[in-house]
């Protein structure tokens, strides 16, 4: 995520981060999760598909002196981890969805997030996508809290609506 976009994102999220549980799907370097922690989040989970990237994130976690109960790294498919976290009873206050552009992954992630109770009540989803993409989401599950455009990068801010139930 570009530093300008990241700064704008945290300007919006900062008031929601005190004590928050943060999930960074498609986490890459983990920079977003680490920044969430530095802005008051209680804990963060990073998910990425690439084992080499996961090792880098784990190394950065250790170098920052963050315990595993404060920052966890999960290697594998982010869409599958949505279900894994949900089955384990994990709930997050903020979920960041920032996959590679133009692969349909934002829509796939939003569909899984609508079907599996991963968000805490009142939780937010932040989607980073290409400006030409228009992510589809369930208006019965999520409402738009904001849209921001930064060149070719767009941010979509969604809030959960009501209680989510598995398979709904």
C-alpha atoms as a PDB file:
ATOM      1  CA  UNK A   1       0.000   0.000   0.000  1.00  0.00           C
ATOM      2  CA  UNK A   2       1.426   3.368  -0.955  1.00  0.00           C
ATOM      3  CA  UNK A   3       2.503   5.468   2.017  1.00  0.00           C
ATOM      4  CA  UNK A   4       0.049   8.240   1.058  1.00  0.00           C
ATOM      5  CA  UNK A   5      -2.824   5.750   0.946  1.00  0.00           C
ATOM      6  CA  UNK A   6      -1.665   4.112   4.183  1.00  0.00           C
ATOM      7  CA  UNK A   7      -1.549   7.504   5.927  1.00  0.00           C
ATOM      8  CA  UNK A   8      -5.070   8.348   4.741  1.00  0.00           C
ATOM      9  CA  UNK A   9      -6.302   4.923   5.829  1.00  0.00           C
ATOM     10  CA  UNK A  10      -4.949   5.304   9.345  1.00  0.00           C
ATOM     11  CA  UNK A  11      -6.311   8.827   9.619  1.00  0.00           C
ATOM     12  CA  UNK A  12      -9.750   7.220   9.188  1.00  0.00           C
ATOM     13  CA  UNK A  13      -9.105   4.099  11.289  1.00  0.00           C
ATOM     14  CA  UNK A  14      -7.089   5.560  14.180  1.00  0.00           C
ATOM     15  CA  UNK A  15     -10.161   6.371  16.339  1.00  0.00           C
ATOM     16  CA  UNK A  16     -11.344   2.740  15.956  1.00  0.00           C
ATOM     17  CA  UNK A  17      -8.017   1.076  16.773  1.00  0.00           C
ATOM     18  CA  UNK A  18      -7.696   1.461  20.561  1.00  0.00           C
ATOM     19  CA  UNK A  19      -7.740  -2.125  21.817  1.00  0.00           C
ATOM     20  CA  UNK A  20      -8.928  -3.423  18.432  1.00  0.00           C
ATOM     21  CA  UNK A  21      -8.377  -6.862  16.942  1.00  0.00           C
ATOM     22  CA  UNK A  22      -7.020  -6.324  13.421  1.00  0.00           C
ATOM     23  CA  UNK A  23      -6.818  -8.838  10.544  1.00  0.00           C
ATOM     24  CA  UNK A  24      -4.667  -8.130   7.486  1.00  0.00           C
ATOM     25  CA  UNK A  25      -5.759 -10.504   4.715  1.00  0.00           C
ATOM     26  CA  UNK A  26      -3.390 -10.641   1.710  1.00  0.00           C
ATOM     27  CA  UNK A  27      -0.956  -9.060   4.187  1.00  0.00           C
ATOM     28  CA  UNK A  28       2.231  -8.889   2.149  1.00  0.00           C
ATOM     29  CA  UNK A  29       4.982  -7.406   4.311  1.00  0.00           C
ATOM     30  CA  UNK A  30       2.673  -7.032   7.295  1.00  0.00           C
ATOM     31  CA  UNK A  31       3.275  -3.273   7.345  1.00  0.00           C
ATOM     32  CA  UNK A  32      -0.448  -2.502   7.669  1.00  0.00           C
ATOM     33  CA  UNK A  33      -0.874  -4.831  10.644  1.00  0.00           C
ATOM     34  CA  UNK A  34       2.263  -3.505  12.337  1.00  0.00           C
ATOM     35  CA  UNK A  35       1.055   0.048  11.820  1.00  0.00           C
ATOM     36  CA  UNK A  36      -2.344  -0.892  13.281  1.00  0.00           C
ATOM     37  CA  UNK A  37      -0.535  -2.178  16.367  1.00  0.00           C
ATOM     38  CA  UNK A  38       1.502   1.023  16.623  1.00  0.00           C
ATOM     39  CA  UNK A  39      -1.770   2.978  16.444  1.00  0.00           C
ATOM     40  CA  UNK A  40      -3.366   1.192  19.380  1.00  0.00           C
ATOM     41  CA  UNK A  41      -4.637  -2.175  18.134  1.00  0.00           C
ATOM     42  CA  UNK A  42      -4.399  -4.846  20.819  1.00  0.00           C
ATOM     43  CA  UNK A  43      -3.504  -7.611  18.411  1.00  0.00           C
ATOM     44  CA  UNK A  44      -3.131  -8.289  14.715  1.00  0.00           C
ATOM     45  CA  UNK A  45      -3.173 -11.311  12.436  1.00  0.00           C
ATOM     46  CA  UNK A  46      -1.421 -11.282   9.062  1.00  0.00           C
ATOM     47  CA  UNK A  47      -2.344 -13.764   6.318  1.00  0.00           C
ATOM     48  CA  UNK A  48      -0.341 -14.219   3.130  1.00  0.00           C
ATOM     49  CA  UNK A  49      -0.054 -16.980   0.554  1.00  0.00           C
ATOM     50  CA  UNK A  50       3.696 -16.796  -0.115  1.00  0.00           C
ATOM     51  CA  UNK A  51       5.834 -18.794   2.362  1.00  0.00           C
ATOM     52  CA  UNK A  52       8.856 -16.536   1.795  1.00  0.00           C
ATOM     53  CA  UNK A  53       6.744 -13.468   2.578  1.00  0.00           C
ATOM     54  CA  UNK A  54       5.377 -15.172   5.699  1.00  0.00           C
ATOM     55  CA  UNK A  55       8.927 -15.860   6.878  1.00  0.00           C
ATOM     56  CA  UNK A  56       9.770 -12.166   6.323  1.00  0.00           C
ATOM     57  CA  UNK A  57       6.697 -11.040   8.284  1.00  0.00           C
ATOM     58  CA  UNK A  58       7.571 -13.463  11.083  1.00  0.00           C
ATOM     59  CA  UNK A  59      11.128 -12.114  11.131  1.00  0.00           C
ATOM     60  CA  UNK A  60       9.810  -8.537  11.285  1.00  0.00           C
ATOM     61  CA  UNK A  61       7.436  -9.503  14.102  1.00  0.00           C
ATOM     62  CA  UNK A  62      10.299 -10.930  16.119  1.00  0.00           C
ATOM     63  CA  UNK A  63      12.570  -7.950  15.341  1.00  0.00           C
ATOM     64  CA  UNK A  64       9.852  -5.593  16.588  1.00  0.00           C
ATOM     65  CA  UNK A  65       9.651  -7.605  19.815  1.00  0.00           C
ATOM     66  CA  UNK A  66       5.979  -8.470  19.299  1.00  0.00           C
ATOM     67  CA  UNK A  67       4.775 -11.630  21.030  1.00  0.00           C
ATOM     68  CA  UNK A  68       2.786 -14.264  19.136  1.00  0.00           C
ATOM     69  CA  UNK A  69      -0.336 -13.419  21.135  1.00  0.00           C
ATOM     70  CA  UNK A  70      -0.017  -9.818  19.929  1.00  0.00           C
ATOM     71  CA  UNK A  71       0.950 -10.422  16.282  1.00  0.00           C
ATOM     72  CA  UNK A  72       0.396 -13.720  14.488  1.00  0.00           C
ATOM     73  CA  UNK A  73       1.411 -14.759  10.982  1.00  0.00           C
ATOM     74  CA  UNK A  74      -0.652 -17.269   9.005  1.00  0.00           C
ATOM     75  CA  UNK A  75       0.607 -18.681   5.738  1.00  0.00           C
ATOM     76  CA  UNK A  76      -2.002 -19.824   3.246  1.00  0.00           C
ATOM     77  CA  UNK A  77      -4.963 -18.768   1.162  1.00  0.00           C
ATOM     78  CA  UNK A  78      -6.635 -15.708   2.724  1.00  0.00           C
ATOM     79  CA  UNK A  79     -10.087 -16.862   1.606  1.00  0.00           C
ATOM     80  CA  UNK A  80      -9.625 -20.171   3.405  1.00  0.00           C
ATOM     81  CA  UNK A  81      -8.300 -18.384   6.489  1.00  0.00           C
ATOM     82  CA  UNK A  82     -11.558 -16.395   6.712  1.00  0.00           C
ATOM     83  CA  UNK A  83     -13.347 -19.706   7.275  1.00  0.00           C
ATOM     84  CA  UNK A  84     -10.600 -21.057   9.557  1.00  0.00           C
ATOM     85  CA  UNK A  85     -10.673 -17.992  11.804  1.00  0.00           C
ATOM     86  CA  UNK A  86     -14.472 -18.045  11.843  1.00  0.00           C
ATOM     87  CA  UNK A  87     -14.677 -21.734  12.814  1.00  0.00           C
ATOM     88  CA  UNK A  88     -12.176 -21.061  15.619  1.00  0.00           C
ATOM     89  CA  UNK A  89     -14.435 -18.306  16.973  1.00  0.00           C
ATOM     90  CA  UNK A  90     -12.047 -15.476  16.084  1.00  0.00           C
ATOM     91  CA  UNK A  91     -13.640 -12.059  15.701  1.00  0.00           C
ATOM     92  CA  UNK A  92     -11.922  -8.942  14.417  1.00  0.00           C
ATOM     93  CA  UNK A  93     -12.838  -5.283  14.771  1.00  0.00           C
ATOM     94  CA  UNK A  94     -11.094  -4.325  11.531  1.00  0.00           C
ATOM     95  CA  UNK A  95     -10.370  -6.545   8.524  1.00  0.00           C
ATOM     96  CA  UNK A  96      -8.119  -5.208   5.776  1.00  0.00           C
ATOM     97  CA  UNK A  97      -8.605  -6.759   2.321  1.00  0.00           C
ATOM     98  CA  UNK A  98      -5.817  -5.669  -0.028  1.00  0.00           C
ATOM     99  CA  UNK A  99      -5.224  -8.419  -2.617  1.00  0.00           C
ATOM    100  CA  UNK A 100      -3.499  -8.143  -5.990  1.00  0.00           C
ATOM    101  CA  UNK A 101      -5.622  -6.024  -8.310  1.00  0.00           C
ATOM    102  CA  UNK A 102      -8.020  -7.302 -10.966  1.00  0.00           C
ATOM    103  CA  UNK A 103      -8.184 -10.929  -9.889  1.00  0.00           C
ATOM    104  CA  UNK A 104     -11.674 -10.900  -8.358  1.00  0.00           C
ATOM    105  CA  UNK A 105     -10.240 -11.451  -4.890  1.00  0.00           C
ATOM    106  CA  UNK A 106     -11.939  -8.451  -3.263  1.00  0.00           C
ATOM    107  CA  UNK A 107     -15.345  -9.780  -4.333  1.00  0.00           C
ATOM    108  CA  UNK A 108     -14.431 -13.305  -3.228  1.00  0.00           C
ATOM    109  CA  UNK A 109     -13.236 -12.052   0.161  1.00  0.00           C
ATOM    110  CA  UNK A 110     -16.361  -9.949   0.703  1.00  0.00           C
ATOM    111  CA  UNK A 111     -18.576 -12.920  -0.160  1.00  0.00           C
ATOM    112  CA  UNK A 112     -16.736 -15.087   2.380  1.00  0.00           C
ATOM    113  CA  UNK A 113     -16.851 -12.333   5.007  1.00  0.00           C
ATOM    114  CA  UNK A 114     -20.616 -12.065   4.469  1.00  0.00           C
ATOM    115  CA  UNK A 115     -21.037 -15.821   4.889  1.00  0.00           C
ATOM    116  CA  UNK A 116     -18.753 -16.363   7.895  1.00  0.00           C
ATOM    117  CA  UNK A 117     -18.920 -14.461  11.192  1.00  0.00           C
ATOM    118  CA  UNK A 118     -15.395 -13.037  11.274  1.00  0.00           C
ATOM    119  CA  UNK A 119     -16.277  -9.430  12.055  1.00  0.00           C
ATOM    120  CA  UNK A 120     -17.096  -8.359  15.573  1.00  0.00           C
ATOM    121  CA  UNK A 121     -20.326  -6.444  15.992  1.00  0.00           C
ATOM    122  CA  UNK A 122     -19.777  -2.979  14.552  1.00  0.00           C
ATOM    123  CA  UNK A 123     -16.601  -4.157  12.822  1.00  0.00           C
ATOM    124  CA  UNK A 124     -15.182  -2.531   9.714  1.00  0.00           C
ATOM    125  CA  UNK A 125     -13.728  -3.890   6.487  1.00  0.00           C
ATOM    126  CA  UNK A 126     -11.245  -1.848   4.482  1.00  0.00           C
ATOM    127  CA  UNK A 127     -10.878  -2.908   0.853  1.00  0.00           C
ATOM    128  CA  UNK A 128      -8.039  -1.664  -1.298  1.00  0.00           C
ATOM    129  CA  UNK A 129      -8.668  -2.151  -5.008  1.00  0.00           C
ATOM    130  CA  UNK A 130      -7.929  -0.680  -8.407  1.00  0.00           C
ATOM    131  CA  UNK A 131      -9.958   2.450  -9.111  1.00  0.00           C
ATOM    132  CA  UNK A 132     -11.605   0.805 -12.137  1.00  0.00           C
ATOM    133  CA  UNK A 133     -12.943  -2.091 -10.050  1.00  0.00           C
ATOM    134  CA  UNK A 134     -16.318  -1.916  -8.331  1.00  0.00           C
ATOM    135  CA  UNK A 135     -16.364  -4.457  -5.510  1.00  0.00           C
ATOM    136  CA  UNK A 136     -19.653  -6.271  -4.967  1.00  0.00           C
ATOM    137  CA  UNK A 137     -20.853  -6.725  -1.422  1.00  0.00           C
ATOM    138  CA  UNK A 138     -23.963  -7.778   0.436  1.00  0.00           C
ATOM    139  CA  UNK A 139     -25.927  -4.680   1.484  1.00  0.00           C
ATOM    140  CA  UNK A 140     -27.690  -6.917   4.008  1.00  0.00           C
ATOM    141  CA  UNK A 141     -24.341  -7.484   5.737  1.00  0.00           C
ATOM    142  CA  UNK A 142     -22.288  -4.346   5.046  1.00  0.00           C
ATOM    143  CA  UNK A 143     -22.917  -0.657   4.586  1.00  0.00           C
ATOM    144  CA  UNK A 144     -20.593   1.833   2.945  1.00  0.00           C
ATOM    145  CA  UNK A 145     -18.862   4.156   5.400  1.00  0.00           C
ATOM    146  CA  UNK A 146     -16.624   5.816   2.858  1.00  0.00           C
ATOM    147  CA  UNK A 147     -14.896   5.684  -0.488  1.00  0.00           C
ATOM    148  CA  UNK A 148     -11.551   7.286  -1.207  1.00  0.00           C
ATOM    149  CA  UNK A 149      -9.630   7.557  -4.464  1.00  0.00           C
ATOM    150  CA  UNK A 150      -5.839   8.009  -4.666  1.00  0.00           C
ATOM    151  CA  UNK A 151      -4.754   7.878  -8.297  1.00  0.00           C
ATOM    152  CA  UNK A 152      -5.290   4.284  -9.449  1.00  0.00           C
ATOM    153  CA  UNK A 153      -5.890   3.054  -5.913  1.00  0.00           C
ATOM    154  CA  UNK A 154      -9.289   3.113  -4.229  1.00  0.00           C
ATOM    155  CA  UNK A 155     -10.317   2.381  -0.655  1.00  0.00           C
ATOM    156  CA  UNK A 156     -13.787   1.145   0.214  1.00  0.00           C
ATOM    157  CA  UNK A 157     -14.750   1.321   3.896  1.00  0.00           C
ATOM    158  CA  UNK A 158     -17.566  -0.997   4.976  1.00  0.00           C
ATOM    159  CA  UNK A 159     -19.202  -1.531   8.364  1.00  0.00           C
ATOM    160  CA  UNK A 160     -20.939  -4.689   9.469  1.00  0.00           C
ATOM    161  CA  UNK A 161     -24.722  -4.525   9.749  1.00  0.00           C
ATOM    162  CA  UNK A 162     -26.323  -6.618  12.478  1.00  0.00           C
ATOM    163  CA  UNK A 163     -25.160 -10.014  13.605  1.00  0.00           C
ATOM    164  CA  UNK A 164     -23.641 -12.288  10.979  1.00  0.00           C
ATOM    165  CA  UNK A 165     -24.577 -15.943  10.890  1.00  0.00           C
ATOM    166  CA  UNK A 166     -22.790 -18.799   9.149  1.00  0.00           C
ATOM    167  CA  UNK A 167     -24.310 -19.600   5.786  1.00  0.00           C
ATOM    168  CA  UNK A 168     -26.631 -16.618   5.764  1.00  0.00           C
END
